[in-house]
Amino acid sequence: LFCRETGSLKRLITSLKENVFGSPKELLKLSVPSVVYALQNNMAFVALSNLDAAVYQVTYQLKIPCTALCTVLMLNRTLSKLQWFSVFMLCGGVTLVQWEPAQATKVQVEQNPWLGFGAIAVAVLCSGFAGVYFEKVLKSSDTSLWVRNIQLYLSGIVVNLFVVYTSDGAQVLEKGFFYGYTYYVWFVILLASVGGIYTSVVVKYTDNIMKGFSAAAAIVLSTVASVILFGLQITVTFSVGALLVCISIYLYGLPRQDTTKIQPSETKSSKERLATV
């Protein structure tokens, strides 16, 4: 895609030299969301290890209103009361859509709820901050979207390699980095890569809040597709959650009414009525 945008392989190489390898400050700038995303993923794992699945599902969806709050604070945008209401409605809808009843297990795992809640709070804050920070970087310059993606993922590779070798360095050196990689794993990696590109395009041309709404809609549509293709049974909880997601998308997309100004036609008609009186 980047090669197609530049027009030739020579221009592609030149652009990479100038914007990636020749701009250490820009790489450093994009390393911020890379580090934050890595922290978010690890904190989410810690939270899931110390909280019940249901509690984790509910609390982790707070990343949606957190993203809206970061958008207001970092990008100086304003949301109407109706939009805030739709954001929290979306949060509840996604929670219900992904809700799964707790199942009894014979394995007793020692959990620390306070550690879990602390980790989920950090993960939620990281999710909102990293997404809005990346949006701000994307929209604050004319640098190509594909260049920004390359800068982001190069930083992400370095950060995650450091984490891997710090936590599991001995196993990696013994068995190799790609030990256990099957065709299914590579397919998941491919899907994640496509999803990352899609996400950056959505953020570039809309915003992080709309990204949250589109992700929620994708969850609902994928479940409906599973019903049609695989005969999955829809629960009442899912139906209510899907309804809330659809309503929240509709409410958020409603045009905002400007009540600070009076239309000239209204002013003229008001004066005519006063003159008649």
Protein backbone atom coordinates (compact mmCIF):
# COMPACT_ATOMS: atom_id res chain seq x y z
CA LEU A 1 0.00 0.00 0.00
CA PHE A 2 2.82 2.38 0.87
CA CYS A 3 4.60 1.50 -2.39
CA ARG A 4 1.40 2.20 -4.31
CA GLU A 5 1.04 5.57 -2.56
CA THR A 6 4.61 6.67 -3.35
CA GLY A 7 4.32 5.51 -6.96
CA SER A 8 7.59 3.59 -7.28
CA LEU A 9 10.00 1.42 -5.34
CA LYS A 10 12.69 4.11 -5.49
CA ARG A 11 10.41 6.72 -3.92
CA LEU A 12 9.37 4.16 -1.33
CA ILE A 13 12.99 3.56 -0.27
CA THR A 14 13.68 7.31 -0.22
CA SER A 15 10.61 7.97 1.91
CA LEU A 16 11.58 5.21 4.35
CA LYS A 17 15.09 6.66 4.71
CA GLU A 18 13.77 10.17 5.33
CA ASN A 19 10.75 9.48 7.53
CA VAL A 20 11.76 6.32 9.39
CA PHE A 21 15.51 5.76 9.60
CA GLY A 22 16.39 9.45 9.22
CA SER A 23 13.91 10.73 11.82
CA PRO A 24 14.83 9.36 15.25
CA LYS A 25 12.68 12.02 16.94
CA GLU A 26 9.60 10.78 15.11
CA LEU A 27 10.40 7.19 16.04
CA LEU A 28 10.80 8.28 19.65
CA LYS A 29 7.45 10.09 19.46
CA LEU A 30 5.70 6.94 18.24
CA SER A 31 7.47 4.81 20.85
CA VAL A 32 5.21 6.38 23.49
CA PRO A 33 1.99 4.62 22.37
CA SER A 34 4.01 1.44 21.72
CA VAL A 35 5.19 1.33 25.34
CA VAL A 36 1.72 2.22 26.61
CA TYR A 37 0.05 -0.48 24.48
CA ALA A 38 2.55 -3.06 25.75
CA LEU A 39 1.79 -1.99 29.32
CA GLN A 40 -1.95 -2.19 28.61
CA ASN A 41 -1.73 -5.76 27.28
CA ASN A 42 0.31 -6.94 30.26
CA MET A 43 -1.98 -5.21 32.76
CA ALA A 44 -5.03 -6.77 31.09
CA PHE A 45 -3.43 -10.20 31.54
CA VAL A 46 -2.69 -9.48 35.22
CA ALA A 47 -6.27 -8.29 35.73
CA LEU A 48 -7.76 -11.37 34.08
CA SER A 49 -5.57 -13.57 36.29
CA ASN A 50 -6.84 -11.90 39.47
CA LEU A 51 -10.50 -11.19 38.68
CA ASP A 52 -13.50 -13.27 37.73
CA ALA A 53 -14.20 -13.27 34.00
CA ALA A 54 -17.53 -11.47 34.47
CA VAL A 55 -15.97 -8.72 36.61
CA TYR A 56 -13.17 -8.35 34.08
CA GLN A 57 -15.62 -8.00 31.18
CA VAL A 58 -17.61 -5.29 32.95
CA THR A 59 -14.67 -3.22 34.21
CA TYR A 60 -12.59 -3.47 31.03
CA GLN A 61 -15.39 -1.86 28.99
CA LEU A 62 -14.72 1.34 30.94
CA LYS A 63 -12.05 1.94 28.30
CA ILE A 64 -14.85 3.30 26.07
CA PRO A 65 -15.80 6.30 28.30
CA CYS A 66 -12.10 6.67 29.22
CA THR A 67 -11.30 7.12 25.52
CA ALA A 68 -14.04 9.75 25.25
CA LEU A 69 -12.61 11.57 28.28
CA CYS A 70 -9.08 11.53 26.82
CA THR A 71 -10.48 12.86 23.54
CA VAL A 72 -12.03 15.82 25.36
CA LEU A 73 -8.93 16.55 27.45
CA MET A 74 -6.17 15.94 24.89
CA LEU A 75 -7.84 17.09 21.66
CA ASN A 76 -9.98 19.91 23.13
CA ARG A 77 -13.18 18.49 21.71
CA THR A 78 -16.63 18.72 23.22
CA LEU A 79 -19.31 16.07 23.50
CA SER A 80 -22.98 16.80 24.01
CA LYS A 81 -24.91 15.26 26.89
CA LEU A 82 -26.60 12.93 24.41
CA GLN A 83 -23.23 11.78 23.08
CA TRP A 84 -21.95 11.11 26.60
CA PHE A 85 -25.13 9.14 27.29
CA SER A 86 -24.63 7.10 24.12
CA VAL A 87 -21.00 6.38 25.08
CA PHE A 88 -22.04 4.89 28.43
CA MET A 89 -24.92 3.06 26.73
CA LEU A 90 -22.39 1.54 24.33
CA CYS A 91 -20.27 0.50 27.30
CA GLY A 92 -23.21 -1.35 28.82
CA GLY A 93 -24.26 -2.84 25.50
CA VAL A 94 -20.82 -4.29 24.73
CA THR A 95 -20.67 -5.74 28.25
CA LEU A 96 -23.98 -7.55 27.73
CA VAL A 97 -23.05 -8.73 24.23
CA GLN A 98 -19.83 -10.33 25.51
CA TRP A 99 -21.36 -11.60 28.75
CA GLU A 100 -20.85 -15.27 29.48
CA PRO A 101 -22.33 -16.97 32.55
CA ALA A 102 -19.76 -18.08 35.09
CA GLN A 103 -18.93 -21.76 35.03
CA ALA A 104 -17.89 -23.75 38.06
CA THR A 105 -14.37 -25.11 38.00
CA LYS A 106 -12.61 -27.62 40.19
CA VAL A 107 -9.31 -25.77 39.90
CA GLN A 108 -8.88 -23.24 42.67
CA VAL A 109 -6.73 -20.30 41.62
CA GLU A 110 -5.48 -17.83 44.18
CA GLN A 111 -6.58 -14.33 43.17
CA ASN A 112 -5.85 -10.86 44.48
CA PRO A 113 -8.88 -8.66 43.68
CA TRP A 114 -7.12 -5.43 44.68
CA LEU A 115 -4.26 -6.22 42.31
CA GLY A 116 -6.78 -7.09 39.62
CA PHE A 117 -8.73 -3.84 39.98
CA GLY A 118 -5.50 -1.84 40.02
CA ALA A 119 -4.31 -3.59 36.86
CA ILE A 120 -7.63 -3.07 35.08
CA ALA A 121 -7.57 0.63 36.00
CA VAL A 122 -4.10 0.99 34.49
CA ALA A 123 -5.17 -0.96 31.38
CA VAL A 124 -8.25 1.24 30.90
CA LEU A 125 -6.23 4.45 31.23
CA CYS A 126 -3.54 3.13 28.89
CA SER A 127 -6.14 2.19 26.28
CA GLY A 128 -7.69 5.66 26.24
CA PHE A 129 -4.40 7.57 26.36
CA ALA A 130 -2.52 5.54 23.73
CA GLY A 131 -5.37 5.63 21.23
CA VAL A 132 -5.95 9.38 21.51
CA TYR A 133 -2.19 10.10 21.53
CA PHE A 134 -1.79 8.18 18.26
CA GLU A 135 -4.77 10.04 16.79
CA LYS A 136 -3.19 13.36 17.74
CA VAL A 137 0.10 12.39 16.09
CA LEU A 138 -1.72 11.22 12.95
CA LYS A 139 -3.71 14.41 12.54
CA SER A 140 -1.10 16.97 13.64
CA SER A 141 1.06 16.60 10.51
CA ASP A 142 0.86 15.69 6.83
CA THR A 143 3.02 12.59 7.28
CA SER A 144 1.62 9.56 5.45
CA LEU A 145 -0.61 7.18 7.37
CA TRP A 146 1.57 4.27 6.25
CA VAL A 147 4.74 5.98 7.47
CA ARG A 148 3.13 6.49 10.88
CA ASN A 149 2.13 2.83 10.97
CA ILE A 150 5.69 1.73 10.16
CA GLN A 151 7.07 4.04 12.86
CA LEU A 152 4.55 2.75 15.40
CA TYR A 153 5.11 -0.94 14.71
CA LEU A 154 8.90 -0.67 14.55
CA SER A 155 8.79 0.82 18.03
CA GLY A 156 6.32 -1.86 19.08
CA ILE A 157 8.60 -4.65 17.84
CA VAL A 158 11.51 -3.29 19.89
CA VAL A 159 9.39 -2.87 23.03
CA ASN A 160 7.78 -6.30 22.82
CA LEU A 161 11.08 -8.05 22.04
CA PHE A 162 12.46 -6.50 25.20
CA VAL A 163 9.47 -7.77 27.19
CA VAL A 164 9.71 -11.28 25.69
CA TYR A 165 13.42 -11.70 26.39
CA THR A 166 13.04 -10.21 29.86
CA SER A 167 10.24 -12.56 30.90
CA ASP A 168 10.93 -15.71 28.84
CA GLY A 169 14.46 -15.22 27.57
CA ALA A 170 15.74 -18.64 28.66
CA GLN A 171 12.91 -20.54 26.93
CA VAL A 172 13.27 -18.47 23.75
CA LEU A 173 17.02 -19.10 23.58
CA GLU A 174 16.49 -22.82 24.19
CA LYS A 175 13.57 -23.53 21.85
CA GLY A 176 13.74 -20.62 19.41
CA PHE A 177 11.57 -17.54 18.99
CA PHE A 178 9.04 -19.19 16.66
CA TYR A 179 8.62 -22.37 18.70
CA GLY A 180 4.97 -23.43 18.76
CA TYR A 181 3.94 -21.25 15.81
CA THR A 182 1.38 -23.15 13.73
CA TYR A 183 -0.54 -22.14 10.62
CA TYR A 184 -3.37 -21.01 12.88
CA VAL A 185 -1.02 -18.75 14.82
CA TRP A 186 0.27 -17.16 11.61
CA PHE A 187 -3.32 -16.70 10.45
CA VAL A 188 -4.20 -14.93 13.71
CA ILE A 189 -1.12 -12.70 13.29
CA LEU A 190 -2.27 -11.86 9.75
CA LEU A 191 -5.75 -10.97 10.99
CA ALA A 192 -4.29 -8.82 13.76
CA SER A 193 -2.12 -6.99 11.22
CA VAL A 194 -5.08 -6.28 8.96
CA GLY A 195 -7.07 -5.18 12.01
CA GLY A 196 -4.29 -2.79 13.01
CA ILE A 197 -4.24 -1.18 9.56
CA TYR A 198 -8.04 -0.91 9.56
CA THR A 199 -7.97 0.68 13.02
CA SER A 200 -5.43 3.31 11.98
CA VAL A 201 -7.52 4.20 8.92
CA VAL A 202 -10.63 4.60 11.09
CA VAL A 203 -8.73 6.79 13.57
CA LYS A 204 -7.20 8.88 10.77
CA TYR A 205 -10.49 9.72 9.09
CA THR A 206 -12.86 9.66 12.07
CA ASP A 207 -11.72 9.39 15.71
CA ASN A 208 -11.13 6.94 18.55
CA ILE A 209 -14.69 7.17 19.82
CA MET A 210 -16.04 6.11 16.43
CA LYS A 211 -13.46 3.31 16.48
CA GLY A 212 -15.09 2.05 19.67
CA PHE A 213 -18.53 2.19 18.09
CA SER A 214 -17.35 0.38 14.95
CA ALA A 215 -15.66 -2.32 17.05
CA ALA A 216 -18.90 -2.86 18.98
CA ALA A 217 -20.87 -3.11 15.74
CA ALA A 218 -18.32 -5.64 14.44
CA ILE A 219 -18.82 -7.81 17.54
CA VAL A 220 -22.59 -7.81 17.02
CA LEU A 221 -22.32 -8.55 13.28
CA SER A 222 -19.80 -11.36 13.80
CA THR A 223 -22.13 -12.99 16.33
CA VAL A 224 -25.07 -12.70 13.94
CA ALA A 225 -22.90 -14.29 11.23
CA SER A 226 -22.09 -17.14 13.65
CA VAL A 227 -25.82 -17.67 14.17
CA ILE A 228 -26.42 -17.93 10.42
CA LEU A 229 -23.36 -20.03 9.58
CA PHE A 230 -22.91 -22.21 12.66
CA GLY A 231 -26.31 -22.18 14.35
CA LEU A 232 -25.14 -20.34 17.46
CA GLN A 233 -27.94 -19.80 19.99
CA ILE A 234 -28.69 -16.15 20.78
CA THR A 235 -29.36 -15.39 24.44
CA VAL A 236 -31.61 -12.72 25.91
CA THR A 237 -28.54 -10.97 27.31
CA PHE A 238 -26.97 -10.75 23.85
CA SER A 239 -30.22 -9.46 22.32
CA VAL A 240 -30.52 -6.67 24.90
CA GLY A 241 -26.84 -5.78 24.50
CA ALA A 242 -27.07 -5.71 20.70
CA LEU A 243 -30.14 -3.46 20.94
CA LEU A 244 -28.26 -1.07 23.25
CA VAL A 245 -25.29 -1.01 20.86
CA CYS A 246 -27.53 -0.16 17.89
CA ILE A 247 -29.39 2.56 19.80
CA SER A 248 -26.14 4.08 21.08
CA ILE A 249 -24.70 4.22 17.54
CA TYR A 250 -27.85 5.97 16.34
CA LEU A 251 -27.86 8.47 19.21
CA TYR A 252 -24.17 9.30 18.86
CA GLY A 253 -24.60 9.96 15.15
CA LEU A 254 -27.48 12.41 15.58
CA PRO A 255 -26.54 15.96 14.48
CA ARG A 256 -25.91 18.36 17.32
CA GLN A 257 -28.29 21.30 17.48
CA ASP A 258 -26.72 24.73 17.86
CA THR A 259 -28.85 26.53 20.43
CA THR A 260 -26.45 29.46 20.85
CA LYS A 261 -27.67 31.27 17.73
CA ILE A 262 -31.10 32.28 16.47
CA GLN A 263 -31.81 31.90 12.79
CA PRO A 264 -32.43 35.21 10.92
CA SER A 265 -35.85 34.06 9.73
CA GLU A 266 -36.89 33.35 13.31
CA THR A 267 -35.63 36.77 14.45
CA LYS A 268 -37.51 38.56 11.67
CA SER A 269 -40.77 36.74 12.36
CA SER A 270 -40.42 37.49 16.08
CA LYS A 271 -40.00 41.21 15.37
CA GLU A 272 -43.06 41.20 13.11
CA ARG A 273 -45.16 39.58 15.85
CA LEU A 274 -43.96 42.17 18.39
CA ALA A 275 -44.75 45.03 15.99
CA THR A 276 -48.26 43.66 15.46
CA VAL A 277 -48.84 43.54 19.21
